[in-house]
């Protein structure tokens, strides 16, 4: 079963803080992908992550997912978005390792 992130544009804090979005991230990462896919270069996978989670990545980079930090599940989802999805979406560019994402990652783990 493929779980899709909401296709509508994030338009309010309520949309961003929906706990199910964090669950969708975790389901995608741990259920839809194999562990091997987590670390391999795959342009099609990168495009899929960008399409499904690009808006979520932008929101996380702006620290708009801080409400996810109230649960272990939410923290893990935010870490995956900031650390892994950013590498996929921005692969082979400097943005894959942008400092603000690293700062947000530290906040997500504290």
Foldseek 3Di string as FASTA:
>chain_A
DQDFQDQDQDDDLCSLADVVNLVNLVCCVPPVDDPVVQPDQDLVVLVVLCNRCVNNLVCLLVVSHVNLLVDPSSLVSSLCSLQRNLCSPQPPDPSSPDPSSVVSNVVSVD
